[in-house]
Amino acid sequence: MDKALYIAMTGAKHNMMAQTARANNLANANTTGFKADFEQSRAMPVFGEHFPTRVYALTERPATDMQSGAFIQTDRALDIAIQGDGWIAVQSNIGDEAYTRSGEMVVDPNGILRTGKGLPVMGEGGPVVIPPASHIEIGVDGVISVQAQGAEANELVQVDRIKLVNPDKQQMEKGLDGLMRLRSGEPAEADAFVTVESGFLESSNVNAAQELISILSLTRQYEMQTKMMKTVDENSAAAASVMRMS
């Protein structure tokens, strides 16, 4: 009885963990550049100094869906979308280099180019700093050109180049902050072949309908596990009653 109870209990626990992953995907269905997480369940034997007769359920996040989202036209000069494969390098909240596909950018009061979430965008020598300008352009190669205040419309000056990278996807993983990093922890090399489209943003690649279907399926599985626990408890009580009568 205890074996069935333990299996049902761990199954219910990991159903809830899978629900968390799916709910996070659904919550970010409208987040620009968001990449959906996969989740899967499997049975794992309990190892130790005994016969491997017991198993438990395990939910894991095997990978991230790297498919590109659709382009959203904004006609805003500081909005960019990666064409094909590639990533925008940013400085995370803990200070290391990380990567995102979210190209919604702003210039803060100190002139630092930041993503919509406030993360500094990396250039050729560190975070990109924009001098006071009346106009800013981002080229297909990530080069940032500005028109200084008071200058003629055709007087554009190159100030920096956004660091664009394209490492092997198999070597990348998503952190708890939603940013991608190399598994080695080292920064990726800049890739001159990565190009961007100004005036566009990349939408999330989450399929909202599929996520809802998965959530409903996991809810049914959770209900089945709790019913199993109740059944095991009732059987255990009945067995104890028979033992008392004997």
C-alpha atoms as a PDB file:
ATOM      1  CA  MET A   1       0.000   0.000   0.000  1.00  0.00           C
ATOM      2  CA  ASP A   2       2.761   2.436   0.894  1.00  0.00           C
ATOM      3  CA  LYS A   3       4.351   1.905  -2.538  1.00  0.00           C
ATOM      4  CA  ALA A   4       1.195   2.936  -4.391  1.00  0.00           C
ATOM      5  CA  LEU A   5       0.658   5.889  -2.043  1.00  0.00           C
ATOM      6  CA  TYR A   6       4.201   7.142  -2.587  1.00  0.00           C
ATOM      7  CA  ILE A   7       3.972   6.827  -6.368  1.00  0.00           C
ATOM      8  CA  ALA A   8       0.649   8.701  -6.429  1.00  0.00           C
ATOM      9  CA  MET A   9       1.987  11.366  -4.084  1.00  0.00           C
ATOM     10  CA  THR A  10       5.102  12.062  -6.159  1.00  0.00           C
ATOM     11  CA  GLY A  11       2.994  11.984  -9.319  1.00  0.00           C
ATOM     12  CA  ALA A  12       0.683  14.685  -7.944  1.00  0.00           C
ATOM     13  CA  LYS A  13       3.647  16.774  -6.801  1.00  0.00           C
ATOM     14  CA  HIS A  14       5.307  16.726 -10.193  1.00  0.00           C
ATOM     15  CA  ASN A  15       2.017  17.376 -11.974  1.00  0.00           C
ATOM     16  CA  MET A  16       1.913  20.636 -10.046  1.00  0.00           C
ATOM     17  CA  MET A  17       5.506  21.421 -11.046  1.00  0.00           C
ATOM     18  CA  ALA A  18       4.620  20.802 -14.695  1.00  0.00           C
ATOM     19  CA  GLN A  19       1.607  23.082 -14.269  1.00  0.00           C
ATOM     20  CA  THR A  20       3.977  25.817 -13.080  1.00  0.00           C
ATOM     21  CA  ALA A  21       6.049  25.560 -16.282  1.00  0.00           C
ATOM     22  CA  ARG A  22       2.963  25.604 -18.510  1.00  0.00           C
ATOM     23  CA  ALA A  23       1.387  28.473 -16.587  1.00  0.00           C
ATOM     24  CA  ASN A  24       4.603  30.485 -16.958  1.00  0.00           C
ATOM     25  CA  ASN A  25       4.522  29.900 -20.713  1.00  0.00           C
ATOM     26  CA  LEU A  26       0.911  31.024 -20.912  1.00  0.00           C
ATOM     27  CA  ALA A  27       1.587  34.102 -18.782  1.00  0.00           C
ATOM     28  CA  ASN A  28       4.290  35.145 -21.261  1.00  0.00           C
ATOM     29  CA  ALA A  29       2.237  34.587 -24.418  1.00  0.00           C
ATOM     30  CA  ASN A  30       2.427  38.341 -25.101  1.00  0.00           C
ATOM     31  CA  THR A  31       6.004  38.913 -23.881  1.00  0.00           C
ATOM     32  CA  THR A  32       8.223  39.991 -26.777  1.00  0.00           C
ATOM     33  CA  GLY A  33      11.056  37.598 -27.544  1.00  0.00           C
ATOM     34  CA  PHE A  34       9.923  35.006 -24.976  1.00  0.00           C
ATOM     35  CA  LYS A  35      10.862  31.370 -25.628  1.00  0.00           C
ATOM     36  CA  ALA A  36       8.538  28.677 -24.283  1.00  0.00           C
ATOM     37  CA  ASP A  37       9.832  25.958 -21.957  1.00  0.00           C
ATOM     38  CA  PHE A  38       9.209  22.282 -22.558  1.00  0.00           C
ATOM     39  CA  GLU A  39       8.408  19.907 -19.709  1.00  0.00           C
ATOM     40  CA  GLN A  40       8.192  16.141 -19.550  1.00  0.00           C
ATOM     41  CA  SER A  41       7.522  13.414 -16.995  1.00  0.00           C
ATOM     42  CA  ARG A  42       9.030   9.982 -16.589  1.00  0.00           C
ATOM     43  CA  ALA A  43       9.260   7.158 -14.078  1.00  0.00           C
ATOM     44  CA  MET A  44      12.528   6.884 -12.138  1.00  0.00           C
ATOM     45  CA  PRO A  45      13.608   3.904 -10.020  1.00  0.00           C
ATOM     46  CA  VAL A  46      14.610   4.495  -6.405  1.00  0.00           C
ATOM     47  CA  PHE A  47      18.253   3.409  -6.148  1.00  0.00           C
ATOM     48  CA  GLY A  48      19.979   2.235  -3.002  1.00  0.00           C
ATOM     49  CA  GLU A  49      20.975  -0.874  -1.088  1.00  0.00           C
ATOM     50  CA  HIS A  50      17.853  -2.798  -2.011  1.00  0.00           C
ATOM     51  CA  PHE A  51      16.073  -4.274  -4.985  1.00  0.00           C
ATOM     52  CA  PRO A  52      14.951  -1.522  -7.408  1.00  0.00           C
ATOM     53  CA  THR A  53      11.271  -2.326  -6.973  1.00  0.00           C
ATOM     54  CA  ARG A  54      10.082   1.172  -6.180  1.00  0.00           C
ATOM     55  CA  VAL A  55       9.691   4.026  -8.637  1.00  0.00           C
ATOM     56  CA  TYR A  56       8.659   7.637  -8.436  1.00  0.00           C
ATOM     57  CA  ALA A  57       7.538  10.302 -10.906  1.00  0.00           C
ATOM     58  CA  LEU A  58       9.909  12.975 -12.142  1.00  0.00           C
ATOM     59  CA  THR A  59       9.101  16.162 -14.036  1.00  0.00           C
ATOM     60  CA  GLU A  60      11.949  17.950 -15.762  1.00  0.00           C
ATOM     61  CA  ARG A  61      12.525  20.832 -18.153  1.00  0.00           C
ATOM     62  CA  PRO A  62      14.478  19.156 -20.945  1.00  0.00           C
ATOM     63  CA  ALA A  63      14.896  22.196 -23.186  1.00  0.00           C
ATOM     64  CA  THR A  64      13.602  25.538 -24.398  1.00  0.00           C
ATOM     65  CA  ASP A  65      11.680  26.011 -27.633  1.00  0.00           C
ATOM     66  CA  MET A  66      14.088  27.989 -29.808  1.00  0.00           C
ATOM     67  CA  GLN A  67      11.671  28.635 -32.672  1.00  0.00           C
ATOM     68  CA  SER A  68      11.340  32.271 -33.701  1.00  0.00           C
ATOM     69  CA  GLY A  69       8.166  34.212 -33.060  1.00  0.00           C
ATOM     70  CA  ALA A  70       6.334  36.357 -35.595  1.00  0.00           C
ATOM     71  CA  PHE A  71       7.483  39.905 -36.340  1.00  0.00           C
ATOM     72  CA  ILE A  72       5.397  42.783 -34.999  1.00  0.00           C
ATOM     73  CA  GLN A  73       5.788  46.076 -36.857  1.00  0.00           C
ATOM     74  CA  THR A  74       6.152  49.081 -34.544  1.00  0.00           C
ATOM     75  CA  ASP A  75       7.991  51.620 -36.789  1.00  0.00           C
ATOM     76  CA  ARG A  76       9.912  52.679 -33.681  1.00  0.00           C
ATOM     77  CA  ALA A  77      13.616  53.356 -34.302  1.00  0.00           C
ATOM     78  CA  LEU A  78      14.776  51.656 -31.078  1.00  0.00           C
ATOM     79  CA  ASP A  79      12.789  48.466 -31.642  1.00  0.00           C
ATOM     80  CA  ILE A  80      14.749  45.674 -33.328  1.00  0.00           C
ATOM     81  CA  ALA A  81      14.072  42.033 -34.181  1.00  0.00           C
ATOM     82  CA  ILE A  82      16.685  39.385 -34.961  1.00  0.00           C
ATOM     83  CA  GLN A  83      16.437  38.035 -38.499  1.00  0.00           C
ATOM     84  CA  GLY A  84      16.870  34.264 -38.306  1.00  0.00           C
ATOM     85  CA  ASP A  85      19.165  32.863 -35.629  1.00  0.00           C
ATOM     86  CA  GLY A  86      20.982  35.010 -33.119  1.00  0.00           C
ATOM     87  CA  TRP A  87      20.694  36.845 -29.812  1.00  0.00           C
ATOM     88  CA  ILE A  88      21.138  40.310 -28.353  1.00  0.00           C
ATOM     89  CA  ALA A  89      23.763  40.501 -25.614  1.00  0.00           C
ATOM     90  CA  VAL A  90      22.699  42.236 -22.385  1.00  0.00           C
ATOM     91  CA  GLN A  91      24.069  42.660 -18.891  1.00  0.00           C
ATOM     92  CA  SER A  92      21.932  40.758 -16.381  1.00  0.00           C
ATOM     93  CA  ASN A  93      20.950  41.976 -12.935  1.00  0.00           C
ATOM     94  CA  ILE A  94      23.810  39.960 -11.424  1.00  0.00           C
ATOM     95  CA  GLY A  95      26.354  41.559 -13.745  1.00  0.00           C
ATOM     96  CA  ASP A  96      27.137  38.729 -16.146  1.00  0.00           C
ATOM     97  CA  GLU A  97      26.504  38.648 -19.897  1.00  0.00           C
ATOM     98  CA  ALA A  98      23.265  37.020 -20.999  1.00  0.00           C
ATOM     99  CA  TYR A  99      21.205  36.869 -24.170  1.00  0.00           C
ATOM    100  CA  THR A 100      17.681  37.757 -25.221  1.00  0.00           C
ATOM    101  CA  ARG A 101      15.526  38.116 -28.336  1.00  0.00           C
ATOM    102  CA  SER A 102      13.521  40.973 -26.831  1.00  0.00           C
ATOM    103  CA  GLY A 103      14.576  44.036 -28.833  1.00  0.00           C
ATOM    104  CA  GLU A 104      12.413  46.714 -27.241  1.00  0.00           C
ATOM    105  CA  MET A 105      14.959  49.365 -26.210  1.00  0.00           C
ATOM    106  CA  VAL A 106      15.034  52.724 -24.485  1.00  0.00           C
ATOM    107  CA  VAL A 107      17.715  55.262 -23.587  1.00  0.00           C
ATOM    108  CA  ASP A 108      17.770  56.097 -19.870  1.00  0.00           C
ATOM    109  CA  PRO A 109      18.537  59.600 -18.471  1.00  0.00           C
ATOM    110  CA  ASN A 110      22.234  58.675 -18.257  1.00  0.00           C
ATOM    111  CA  GLY A 111      22.356  57.753 -21.940  1.00  0.00           C
ATOM    112  CA  ILE A 112      22.625  54.000 -21.379  1.00  0.00           C
ATOM    113  CA  LEU A 113      20.754  51.875 -23.909  1.00  0.00           C
ATOM    114  CA  ARG A 114      18.531  49.418 -22.039  1.00  0.00           C
ATOM    115  CA  THR A 115      15.983  46.755 -22.868  1.00  0.00           C
ATOM    116  CA  GLY A 116      12.350  47.188 -21.944  1.00  0.00           C
ATOM    117  CA  LYS A 117      13.134  45.342 -18.685  1.00  0.00           C
ATOM    118  CA  GLY A 118      15.888  47.806 -17.810  1.00  0.00           C
ATOM    119  CA  LEU A 119      18.902  45.629 -18.681  1.00  0.00           C
ATOM    120  CA  PRO A 120      21.914  47.397 -20.269  1.00  0.00           C
ATOM    121  CA  VAL A 121      22.486  46.408 -23.902  1.00  0.00           C
ATOM    122  CA  MET A 122      26.055  45.305 -24.591  1.00  0.00           C
ATOM    123  CA  GLY A 123      28.185  46.903 -27.301  1.00  0.00           C
ATOM    124  CA  GLU A 124      31.701  46.310 -28.535  1.00  0.00           C
ATOM    125  CA  GLY A 125      33.314  47.426 -25.287  1.00  0.00           C
ATOM    126  CA  GLY A 126      30.587  47.106 -22.671  1.00  0.00           C
ATOM    127  CA  PRO A 127      27.144  48.644 -22.153  1.00  0.00           C
ATOM    128  CA  VAL A 128      26.097  50.940 -25.008  1.00  0.00           C
ATOM    129  CA  VAL A 129      26.094  54.642 -24.117  1.00  0.00           C
ATOM    130  CA  ILE A 130      24.225  57.053 -26.388  1.00  0.00           C
ATOM    131  CA  PRO A 131      25.286  60.730 -26.396  1.00  0.00           C
ATOM    132  CA  PRO A 132      22.603  63.454 -26.512  1.00  0.00           C
ATOM    133  CA  ALA A 133      21.023  63.181 -29.948  1.00  0.00           C
ATOM    134  CA  SER A 134      17.968  64.286 -31.853  1.00  0.00           C
ATOM    135  CA  HIS A 135      17.793  61.066 -33.881  1.00  0.00           C
ATOM    136  CA  ILE A 136      19.016  57.486 -33.435  1.00  0.00           C
ATOM    137  CA  GLU A 137      19.258  54.746 -36.065  1.00  0.00           C
ATOM    138  CA  ILE A 138      20.141  51.069 -35.734  1.00  0.00           C
ATOM    139  CA  GLY A 139      21.466  49.415 -38.881  1.00  0.00           C
ATOM    140  CA  VAL A 140      20.916  45.833 -40.007  1.00  0.00           C
ATOM    141  CA  ASP A 141      24.336  44.916 -38.557  1.00  0.00           C
ATOM    142  CA  GLY A 142      23.525  46.430 -35.158  1.00  0.00           C
ATOM    143  CA  VAL A 143      25.553  49.604 -35.741  1.00  0.00           C
ATOM    144  CA  ILE A 144      24.098  52.554 -33.823  1.00  0.00           C
ATOM    145  CA  SER A 145      24.298  55.953 -35.525  1.00  0.00           C
ATOM    146  CA  VAL A 146      23.098  59.221 -34.037  1.00  0.00           C
ATOM    147  CA  GLN A 147      22.380  62.719 -35.263  1.00  0.00           C
ATOM    148  CA  ALA A 148      23.840  65.091 -32.716  1.00  0.00           C
ATOM    149  CA  GLN A 149      21.602  67.831 -31.438  1.00  0.00           C
ATOM    150  CA  GLY A 150      21.796  70.797 -33.805  1.00  0.00           C
ATOM    151  CA  ALA A 151      23.488  68.802 -36.582  1.00  0.00           C
ATOM    152  CA  GLU A 152      22.212  68.441 -40.128  1.00  0.00           C
ATOM    153  CA  ALA A 153      19.884  65.553 -40.943  1.00  0.00           C
ATOM    154  CA  ASN A 154      22.566  63.812 -43.017  1.00  0.00           C
ATOM    155  CA  GLU A 155      25.272  64.160 -40.365  1.00  0.00           C
ATOM    156  CA  LEU A 156      25.110  60.768 -38.677  1.00  0.00           C
ATOM    157  CA  VAL A 157      27.893  59.569 -36.392  1.00  0.00           C
ATOM    158  CA  GLN A 158      28.490  55.929 -35.480  1.00  0.00           C
ATOM    159  CA  VAL A 159      28.712  55.564 -31.693  1.00  0.00           C
ATOM    160  CA  ASP A 160      28.731  51.789 -31.083  1.00  0.00           C
ATOM    161  CA  ARG A 161      27.549  48.437 -32.329  1.00  0.00           C
ATOM    162  CA  ILE A 162      25.146  46.168 -30.475  1.00  0.00           C
ATOM    163  CA  LYS A 163      26.779  42.857 -29.626  1.00  0.00           C
ATOM    164  CA  LEU A 164      24.929  40.180 -31.581  1.00  0.00           C
ATOM    165  CA  VAL A 165      25.838  36.536 -31.010  1.00  0.00           C
ATOM    166  CA  ASN A 166      24.840  33.185 -32.457  1.00  0.00           C
ATOM    167  CA  PRO A 167      26.305  30.339 -30.364  1.00  0.00           C
ATOM    168  CA  ASP A 168      25.310  26.691 -30.707  1.00  0.00           C
ATOM    169  CA  LYS A 169      21.761  26.379 -29.338  1.00  0.00           C
ATOM    170  CA  GLN A 170      22.657  23.046 -27.749  1.00  0.00           C
ATOM    171  CA  GLN A 171      25.166  24.891 -25.549  1.00  0.00           C
ATOM    172  CA  MET A 172      22.611  27.401 -24.273  1.00  0.00           C
ATOM    173  CA  GLU A 173      20.193  27.213 -21.368  1.00  0.00           C
ATOM    174  CA  LYS A 174      17.611  29.502 -19.872  1.00  0.00           C
ATOM    175  CA  GLY A 175      18.148  30.894 -16.385  1.00  0.00           C
ATOM    176  CA  LEU A 176      15.530  31.620 -13.752  1.00  0.00           C
ATOM    177  CA  ASP A 177      15.548  35.255 -14.901  1.00  0.00           C
ATOM    178  CA  GLY A 178      14.365  34.186 -18.372  1.00  0.00           C
ATOM    179  CA  LEU A 179      17.680  35.066 -20.045  1.00  0.00           C
ATOM    180  CA  MET A 180      19.769  32.635 -22.080  1.00  0.00           C
ATOM    181  CA  ARG A 181      23.393  31.833 -21.227  1.00  0.00           C
ATOM    182  CA  LEU A 182      26.094  29.457 -22.372  1.00  0.00           C
ATOM    183  CA  ARG A 183      26.295  26.350 -20.206  1.00  0.00           C
ATOM    184  CA  SER A 184      30.026  26.998 -19.794  1.00  0.00           C
ATOM    185  CA  GLY A 185      29.317  30.372 -18.193  1.00  0.00           C
ATOM    186  CA  GLU A 186      31.634  32.109 -20.653  1.00  0.00           C
ATOM    187  CA  PRO A 187      30.474  35.027 -22.847  1.00  0.00           C
ATOM    188  CA  ALA A 188      29.779  34.189 -26.480  1.00  0.00           C
ATOM    189  CA  GLU A 189      31.767  35.679 -29.341  1.00  0.00           C
ATOM    190  CA  ALA A 190      30.144  38.407 -31.442  1.00  0.00           C
ATOM    191  CA  ASP A 191      28.864  37.166 -34.801  1.00  0.00           C
ATOM    192  CA  ALA A 192      29.040  39.604 -37.732  1.00  0.00           C
ATOM    193  CA  PHE A 193      26.546  37.525 -39.726  1.00  0.00           C
ATOM    194  CA  VAL A 194      23.636  38.138 -37.316  1.00  0.00           C
ATOM    195  CA  THR A 195      21.351  40.856 -38.663  1.00  0.00           C
ATOM    196  CA  VAL A 196      18.438  42.817 -37.228  1.00  0.00           C
ATOM    197  CA  GLU A 197      15.358  44.551 -38.569  1.00  0.00           C
ATOM    198  CA  SER A 198      14.689  47.999 -37.125  1.00  0.00           C
ATOM    199  CA  GLY A 199      11.110  49.031 -36.425  1.00  0.00           C
ATOM    200  CA  PHE A 200      10.004  45.500 -35.550  1.00  0.00           C
ATOM    201  CA  LEU A 201       9.730  43.309 -32.457  1.00  0.00           C
ATOM    202  CA  GLU A 202       9.631  39.526 -32.229  1.00  0.00           C
ATOM    203  CA  SER A 203       6.549  38.130 -30.541  1.00  0.00           C
ATOM    204  CA  SER A 204       6.532  35.255 -28.065  1.00  0.00           C
ATOM    205  CA  ASN A 205       6.638  31.772 -29.627  1.00  0.00           C
ATOM    206  CA  VAL A 206       4.122  30.437 -27.086  1.00  0.00           C
ATOM    207  CA  ASN A 207       1.114  28.639 -28.578  1.00  0.00           C
ATOM    208  CA  ALA A 208      -1.592  29.736 -26.129  1.00  0.00           C
ATOM    209  CA  ALA A 209      -4.111  27.107 -27.265  1.00  0.00           C
ATOM    210  CA  GLN A 210      -1.590  24.280 -26.851  1.00  0.00           C
ATOM    211  CA  GLU A 211      -0.595  25.516 -23.412  1.00  0.00           C
ATOM    212  CA  LEU A 212      -4.240  25.587 -22.294  1.00  0.00           C
ATOM    213  CA  ILE A 213      -4.740  22.021 -23.537  1.00  0.00           C
ATOM    214  CA  SER A 214      -1.626  20.890 -21.643  1.00  0.00           C
ATOM    215  CA  ILE A 215      -2.813  22.612 -18.457  1.00  0.00           C
ATOM    216  CA  LEU A 216      -6.198  20.866 -18.659  1.00  0.00           C
ATOM    217  CA  SER A 217      -4.490  17.513 -19.237  1.00  0.00           C
ATOM    218  CA  LEU A 218      -2.200  18.031 -16.246  1.00  0.00           C
ATOM    219  CA  THR A 219      -5.202  19.004 -14.104  1.00  0.00           C
ATOM    220  CA  ARG A 220      -6.917  15.704 -14.955  1.00  0.00           C
ATOM    221  CA  GLN A 221      -3.726  13.807 -14.151  1.00  0.00           C
ATOM    222  CA  TYR A 222      -3.492  15.578 -10.794  1.00  0.00           C
ATOM    223  CA  GLU A 223      -7.093  14.647  -9.972  1.00  0.00           C
ATOM    224  CA  MET A 224      -6.333  11.022 -10.882  1.00  0.00           C
ATOM    225  CA  GLN A 225      -3.327  10.986  -8.547  1.00  0.00           C
ATOM    226  CA  THR A 226      -5.308  12.417  -5.626  1.00  0.00           C
ATOM    227  CA  LYS A 227      -8.081   9.849  -6.206  1.00  0.00           C
ATOM    228  CA  MET A 228      -5.433   7.133  -6.171  1.00  0.00           C
ATOM    229  CA  MET A 229      -4.121   8.384  -2.825  1.00  0.00           C
ATOM    230  CA  LYS A 230      -7.647   8.336  -1.405  1.00  0.00           C
ATOM    231  CA  THR A 231      -8.225   4.803  -2.725  1.00  0.00           C
ATOM    232  CA  VAL A 232      -4.953   3.572  -1.209  1.00  0.00           C
ATOM    233  CA  ASP A 233      -5.883   5.144   2.119  1.00  0.00           C
ATOM    234  CA  GLU A 234      -9.293   3.453   2.062  1.00  0.00           C
ATOM    235  CA  ASN A 235      -7.722   0.085   1.187  1.00  0.00           C
ATOM    236  CA  SER A 236      -5.199   0.486   3.979  1.00  0.00           C
ATOM    237  CA  ALA A 237      -7.961   1.246   6.470  1.00  0.00           C
ATOM    238  CA  ALA A 238      -9.963  -1.787   5.284  1.00  0.00           C
ATOM    239  CA  ALA A 239      -6.898  -4.034   5.601  1.00  0.00           C
ATOM    240  CA  ALA A 240      -6.236  -2.746   9.122  1.00  0.00           C
ATOM    241  CA  SER A 241      -9.861  -3.445  10.048  1.00  0.00           C
ATOM    242  CA  VAL A 242      -9.583  -7.037   8.798  1.00  0.00           C
ATOM    243  CA  MET A 243      -6.400  -7.538  10.794  1.00  0.00           C
ATOM    244  CA  ARG A 244      -8.094  -6.297  13.960  1.00  0.00           C
ATOM    245  CA  MET A 245     -11.022  -8.689  13.421  1.00  0.00           C
ATOM    246  CA  SER A 246      -8.638 -11.634  12.998  1.00  0.00           C
END
